[in-house]
Amino acid sequence: MQQSILTNIFLAVSLMSTAALGKAISVPGPAIVVRQTNPTTPAAQSTIMSCGEYSRIANLSTVGANSTYRATFFEASPNGNQFNAEVLDTAILKLPSVIMDRALNEACGNLTALAIQEAANNFTIRTVLQFSNIPPAAPLDISTNIIFVCAGALFFMTGIWMTMP
């Protein structure tokens, strides 16, 4: 790699300017001005959650965490997968804090365990969240097509390996 004298001069000037101007700023730095303040209402009121909201979070997180329920819900929902995924993922993220809230669990009971049990019961009668009468999945294709696809892929990969130098 070749270096010109101009490159070395620019490097030296940048290092010297950094060293010289670095001490010009005081140690604590510029003062941070608080522009927004939190309201003076007690924080306890903002963390109170109703049993209905806890139940909704438990149900959505149960469906969101189980890949079978989630895929069935995506297939049955007319809203679109991205919107539904955001709703389910948000509920999954909220669930740990809800589970650890002792006062909420004493007031409402363990709605997460109930949601898991009822989701399994509902899935056996072809219901996921608000969608019922979900058609059963089509059986897997076990014809000879799978054998031909695998043989073709093996033949293609073997041909490439054989022609490599």
C-alpha atoms as a PDB file:
ATOM      1  CA  MET A   1       0.000   0.000   0.000  1.00  0.00           C
ATOM      2  CA  GLN A   2       1.424   3.365  -0.965  1.00  0.00           C
ATOM      3  CA  GLN A   3       0.970   6.432   1.192  1.00  0.00           C
ATOM      4  CA  SER A   4       1.434   9.948  -0.009  1.00  0.00           C
ATOM      5  CA  ILE A   5       2.872  12.780   2.033  1.00  0.00           C
ATOM      6  CA  LEU A   6      -0.534  14.485   1.897  1.00  0.00           C
ATOM      7  CA  THR A   7      -2.169  11.510   3.635  1.00  0.00           C
ATOM      8  CA  ASN A   8       0.388  11.622   6.428  1.00  0.00           C
ATOM      9  CA  ILE A   9      -0.104  15.376   6.878  1.00  0.00           C
ATOM     10  CA  PHE A  10      -3.898  15.013   7.121  1.00  0.00           C
ATOM     11  CA  LEU A  11      -3.513  12.205   9.655  1.00  0.00           C
ATOM     12  CA  ALA A  12      -1.124  14.258  11.802  1.00  0.00           C
ATOM     13  CA  VAL A  13      -3.362  17.347  11.681  1.00  0.00           C
ATOM     14  CA  SER A  14      -6.458  15.364  12.657  1.00  0.00           C
ATOM     15  CA  LEU A  15      -4.685  13.709  15.587  1.00  0.00           C
ATOM     16  CA  MET A  16      -3.272  17.001  16.850  1.00  0.00           C
ATOM     17  CA  SER A  17      -6.602  18.807  16.530  1.00  0.00           C
ATOM     18  CA  THR A  18      -8.354  16.031  18.413  1.00  0.00           C
ATOM     19  CA  ALA A  19      -5.782  16.175  21.197  1.00  0.00           C
ATOM     20  CA  ALA A  20      -5.877  19.966  21.377  1.00  0.00           C
ATOM     21  CA  LEU A  21      -9.644  20.416  21.195  1.00  0.00           C
ATOM     22  CA  GLY A  22     -10.458  17.392  23.317  1.00  0.00           C
ATOM     23  CA  LYS A  23      -9.542  19.238  26.510  1.00  0.00           C
ATOM     24  CA  ALA A  24     -11.466  22.362  25.534  1.00  0.00           C
ATOM     25  CA  ILE A  25     -14.737  20.693  26.542  1.00  0.00           C
ATOM     26  CA  SER A  26     -15.223  20.577  30.299  1.00  0.00           C
ATOM     27  CA  VAL A  27     -15.319  17.201  32.006  1.00  0.00           C
ATOM     28  CA  PRO A  28     -19.042  17.026  32.885  1.00  0.00           C
ATOM     29  CA  GLY A  29     -19.975  18.078  29.379  1.00  0.00           C
ATOM     30  CA  PRO A  30     -22.786  20.386  28.420  1.00  0.00           C
ATOM     31  CA  ALA A  31     -25.701  20.611  30.803  1.00  0.00           C
ATOM     32  CA  ILE A  32     -28.690  18.451  29.980  1.00  0.00           C
ATOM     33  CA  VAL A  33     -31.927  20.366  30.163  1.00  0.00           C
ATOM     34  CA  VAL A  34     -35.066  18.490  31.152  1.00  0.00           C
ATOM     35  CA  ARG A  35     -37.759  19.473  28.679  1.00  0.00           C
ATOM     36  CA  GLN A  36     -40.458  17.009  29.575  1.00  0.00           C
ATOM     37  CA  THR A  37     -41.512  15.897  33.012  1.00  0.00           C
ATOM     38  CA  ASN A  38     -43.676  13.015  34.050  1.00  0.00           C
ATOM     39  CA  PRO A  39     -47.050  13.853  35.532  1.00  0.00           C
ATOM     40  CA  THR A  40     -47.200  13.942  39.305  1.00  0.00           C
ATOM     41  CA  THR A  41     -49.840  11.209  39.529  1.00  0.00           C
ATOM     42  CA  PRO A  42     -48.821   8.128  41.468  1.00  0.00           C
ATOM     43  CA  ALA A  43     -47.110   5.429  39.425  1.00  0.00           C
ATOM     44  CA  ALA A  44     -49.249   2.715  40.985  1.00  0.00           C
ATOM     45  CA  GLN A  45     -52.297   3.820  39.015  1.00  0.00           C
ATOM     46  CA  SER A  46     -50.528   3.347  35.697  1.00  0.00           C
ATOM     47  CA  THR A  47     -49.511  -0.238  36.457  1.00  0.00           C
ATOM     48  CA  ILE A  48     -52.941  -1.475  37.529  1.00  0.00           C
ATOM     49  CA  MET A  49     -54.370  -3.865  34.968  1.00  0.00           C
ATOM     50  CA  SER A  50     -57.845  -5.319  34.821  1.00  0.00           C
ATOM     51  CA  CYS A  51     -58.518  -9.041  34.848  1.00  0.00           C
ATOM     52  CA  GLY A  52     -59.985  -8.750  31.361  1.00  0.00           C
ATOM     53  CA  GLU A  53     -56.787  -7.239  30.004  1.00  0.00           C
ATOM     54  CA  TYR A  54     -54.742  -9.908  31.789  1.00  0.00           C
ATOM     55  CA  SER A  55     -56.950 -12.581  30.214  1.00  0.00           C
ATOM     56  CA  ARG A  56     -56.543 -11.015  26.762  1.00  0.00           C
ATOM     57  CA  ILE A  57     -52.739 -10.884  27.113  1.00  0.00           C
ATOM     58  CA  ALA A  58     -52.667 -14.492  28.350  1.00  0.00           C
ATOM     59  CA  ASN A  59     -54.817 -15.720  25.446  1.00  0.00           C
ATOM     60  CA  LEU A  60     -52.902 -13.808  22.772  1.00  0.00           C
ATOM     61  CA  SER A  61     -49.511 -14.861  24.134  1.00  0.00           C
ATOM     62  CA  THR A  62     -50.612 -18.498  24.301  1.00  0.00           C
ATOM     63  CA  VAL A  63     -51.638 -18.434  20.643  1.00  0.00           C
ATOM     64  CA  GLY A  64     -48.553 -16.439  19.680  1.00  0.00           C
ATOM     65  CA  ALA A  65     -46.094 -18.759  21.419  1.00  0.00           C
ATOM     66  CA  ASN A  66     -47.497 -22.001  19.971  1.00  0.00           C
ATOM     67  CA  SER A  67     -46.543 -22.391  16.315  1.00  0.00           C
ATOM     68  CA  THR A  68     -49.570 -24.566  15.480  1.00  0.00           C
ATOM     69  CA  TYR A  69     -52.071 -22.133  16.992  1.00  0.00           C
ATOM     70  CA  ARG A  70     -50.223 -19.178  15.468  1.00  0.00           C
ATOM     71  CA  ALA A  71     -50.184 -20.607  11.934  1.00  0.00           C
ATOM     72  CA  THR A  72     -53.858 -21.557  12.170  1.00  0.00           C
ATOM     73  CA  PHE A  73     -54.719 -18.077  13.428  1.00  0.00           C
ATOM     74  CA  PHE A  74     -52.780 -16.459  10.573  1.00  0.00           C
ATOM     75  CA  GLU A  75     -54.546 -18.638   8.028  1.00  0.00           C
ATOM     76  CA  ALA A  76     -58.018 -17.904   9.397  1.00  0.00           C
ATOM     77  CA  SER A  77     -57.588 -14.174   9.992  1.00  0.00           C
ATOM     78  CA  PRO A  78     -58.521 -11.684   7.253  1.00  0.00           C
ATOM     79  CA  ASN A  79     -56.399  -8.881   8.795  1.00  0.00           C
ATOM     80  CA  GLY A  80     -53.020  -9.870   7.420  1.00  0.00           C
ATOM     81  CA  ASN A  81     -50.069 -11.589   8.970  1.00  0.00           C
ATOM     82  CA  GLN A  82     -47.950  -8.541   9.822  1.00  0.00           C
ATOM     83  CA  PHE A  83     -50.673  -6.867  11.887  1.00  0.00           C
ATOM     84  CA  ASN A  84     -51.528 -10.131  13.628  1.00  0.00           C
ATOM     85  CA  ALA A  85     -47.863 -10.886  14.308  1.00  0.00           C
ATOM     86  CA  GLU A  86     -47.407  -7.468  15.920  1.00  0.00           C
ATOM     87  CA  VAL A  87     -50.408  -8.037  18.177  1.00  0.00           C
ATOM     88  CA  LEU A  88     -49.268 -11.522  19.219  1.00  0.00           C
ATOM     89  CA  ASP A  89     -45.633 -10.498  19.705  1.00  0.00           C
ATOM     90  CA  THR A  90     -46.648  -7.514  21.841  1.00  0.00           C
ATOM     91  CA  ALA A  91     -48.730  -9.790  24.057  1.00  0.00           C
ATOM     92  CA  ILE A  92     -45.824 -12.229  24.383  1.00  0.00           C
ATOM     93  CA  LEU A  93     -43.571  -9.374  25.510  1.00  0.00           C
ATOM     94  CA  LYS A  94     -46.120  -8.130  28.080  1.00  0.00           C
ATOM     95  CA  LEU A  95     -46.810 -11.551  29.597  1.00  0.00           C
ATOM     96  CA  PRO A  96     -43.730 -11.947  31.879  1.00  0.00           C
ATOM     97  CA  SER A  97     -44.431  -8.691  33.723  1.00  0.00           C
ATOM     98  CA  VAL A  98     -48.084  -9.659  34.100  1.00  0.00           C
ATOM     99  CA  ILE A  99     -47.195 -13.096  35.455  1.00  0.00           C
ATOM    100  CA  MET A 100     -44.855 -11.572  38.044  1.00  0.00           C
ATOM    101  CA  ASP A 101     -47.467  -9.084  39.321  1.00  0.00           C
ATOM    102  CA  ARG A 102     -48.436 -10.699  42.623  1.00  0.00           C
ATOM    103  CA  ALA A 103     -51.413  -8.428  43.324  1.00  0.00           C
ATOM    104  CA  LEU A 104     -52.910  -9.060  39.894  1.00  0.00           C
ATOM    105  CA  ASN A 105     -52.510 -12.830  40.231  1.00  0.00           C
ATOM    106  CA  GLU A 106     -54.128 -12.780  43.682  1.00  0.00           C
ATOM    107  CA  ALA A 107     -57.051 -10.742  42.361  1.00  0.00           C
ATOM    108  CA  CYS A 108     -57.594 -12.634  39.088  1.00  0.00           C
ATOM    109  CA  GLY A 109     -56.026 -16.047  39.623  1.00  0.00           C
ATOM    110  CA  ASN A 110     -53.571 -17.698  37.253  1.00  0.00           C
ATOM    111  CA  LEU A 111     -55.172 -16.817  33.938  1.00  0.00           C
ATOM    112  CA  THR A 112     -52.107 -17.925  31.981  1.00  0.00           C
ATOM    113  CA  ALA A 113     -52.550 -21.577  32.964  1.00  0.00           C
ATOM    114  CA  LEU A 114     -56.249 -21.270  32.208  1.00  0.00           C
ATOM    115  CA  ALA A 115     -55.478 -19.760  28.787  1.00  0.00           C
ATOM    116  CA  ILE A 116     -53.116 -22.624  27.920  1.00  0.00           C
ATOM    117  CA  GLN A 117     -55.683 -25.246  28.927  1.00  0.00           C
ATOM    118  CA  GLU A 118     -58.577 -23.559  27.154  1.00  0.00           C
ATOM    119  CA  ALA A 119     -56.548 -22.935  23.987  1.00  0.00           C
ATOM    120  CA  ALA A 120     -55.911 -26.673  23.776  1.00  0.00           C
ATOM    121  CA  ASN A 121     -59.594 -27.429  24.389  1.00  0.00           C
ATOM    122  CA  ASN A 122     -60.678 -24.894  21.771  1.00  0.00           C
ATOM    123  CA  PHE A 123     -58.201 -26.180  19.210  1.00  0.00           C
ATOM    124  CA  THR A 124     -59.683 -29.678  19.478  1.00  0.00           C
ATOM    125  CA  ILE A 125     -63.054 -28.227  18.441  1.00  0.00           C
ATOM    126  CA  ARG A 126     -61.404 -26.254  15.584  1.00  0.00           C
ATOM    127  CA  THR A 127     -61.467 -22.827  17.261  1.00  0.00           C
ATOM    128  CA  VAL A 128     -58.535 -20.404  17.629  1.00  0.00           C
ATOM    129  CA  LEU A 129     -59.248 -17.132  19.427  1.00  0.00           C
ATOM    130  CA  GLN A 130     -62.316 -15.606  17.744  1.00  0.00           C
ATOM    131  CA  PHE A 131     -62.302 -17.865  14.676  1.00  0.00           C
ATOM    132  CA  SER A 132     -64.376 -21.038  14.828  1.00  0.00           C
ATOM    133  CA  ASN A 133     -65.089 -23.887  12.406  1.00  0.00           C
ATOM    134  CA  ILE A 134     -61.580 -23.780  11.012  1.00  0.00           C
ATOM    135  CA  PRO A 135     -61.286 -26.404   8.269  1.00  0.00           C
ATOM    136  CA  PRO A 136     -58.930 -29.277   9.017  1.00  0.00           C
ATOM    137  CA  ALA A 137     -55.537 -29.216   7.379  1.00  0.00           C
ATOM    138  CA  ALA A 138     -55.064 -31.086   4.131  1.00  0.00           C
ATOM    139  CA  PRO A 139     -53.222 -34.382   4.489  1.00  0.00           C
ATOM    140  CA  LEU A 140     -49.578 -34.527   3.499  1.00  0.00           C
ATOM    141  CA  ASP A 141     -48.746 -35.530  -0.050  1.00  0.00           C
ATOM    142  CA  ILE A 142     -47.042 -38.914   0.228  1.00  0.00           C
ATOM    143  CA  SER A 143     -46.959 -39.705  -3.466  1.00  0.00           C
ATOM    144  CA  THR A 144     -43.877 -40.407  -5.539  1.00  0.00           C
ATOM    145  CA  ASN A 145     -43.336 -36.689  -6.210  1.00  0.00           C
ATOM    146  CA  ILE A 146     -41.182 -36.428  -3.097  1.00  0.00           C
ATOM    147  CA  ILE A 147     -38.948 -39.251  -4.292  1.00  0.00           C
ATOM    148  CA  PHE A 148     -38.480 -37.638  -7.709  1.00  0.00           C
ATOM    149  CA  VAL A 149     -37.651 -34.234  -6.216  1.00  0.00           C
ATOM    150  CA  CYS A 150     -35.076 -35.733  -3.838  1.00  0.00           C
ATOM    151  CA  ALA A 151     -33.512 -37.812  -6.622  1.00  0.00           C
ATOM    152  CA  GLY A 152     -33.327 -34.758  -8.897  1.00  0.00           C
ATOM    153  CA  ALA A 153     -31.680 -32.674  -6.183  1.00  0.00           C
ATOM    154  CA  LEU A 154     -29.175 -35.439  -5.471  1.00  0.00           C
ATOM    155  CA  PHE A 155     -28.409 -35.819  -9.182  1.00  0.00           C
ATOM    156  CA  PHE A 156     -27.918 -32.047  -9.570  1.00  0.00           C
ATOM    157  CA  MET A 157     -25.632 -31.770  -6.530  1.00  0.00           C
ATOM    158  CA  THR A 158     -23.625 -34.820  -7.584  1.00  0.00           C
ATOM    159  CA  GLY A 159     -23.194 -33.411 -11.089  1.00  0.00           C
ATOM    160  CA  ILE A 160     -21.838 -30.139  -9.731  1.00  0.00           C
ATOM    161  CA  TRP A 161     -19.483 -31.949  -7.375  1.00  0.00           C
ATOM    162  CA  MET A 162     -18.210 -34.179 -10.177  1.00  0.00           C
ATOM    163  CA  THR A 163     -17.490 -31.254 -12.524  1.00  0.00           C
ATOM    164  CA  MET A 164     -15.502 -29.248  -9.979  1.00  0.00           C
ATOM    165  CA  PRO A 165     -11.757 -29.169 -10.657  1.00  0.00           C
END
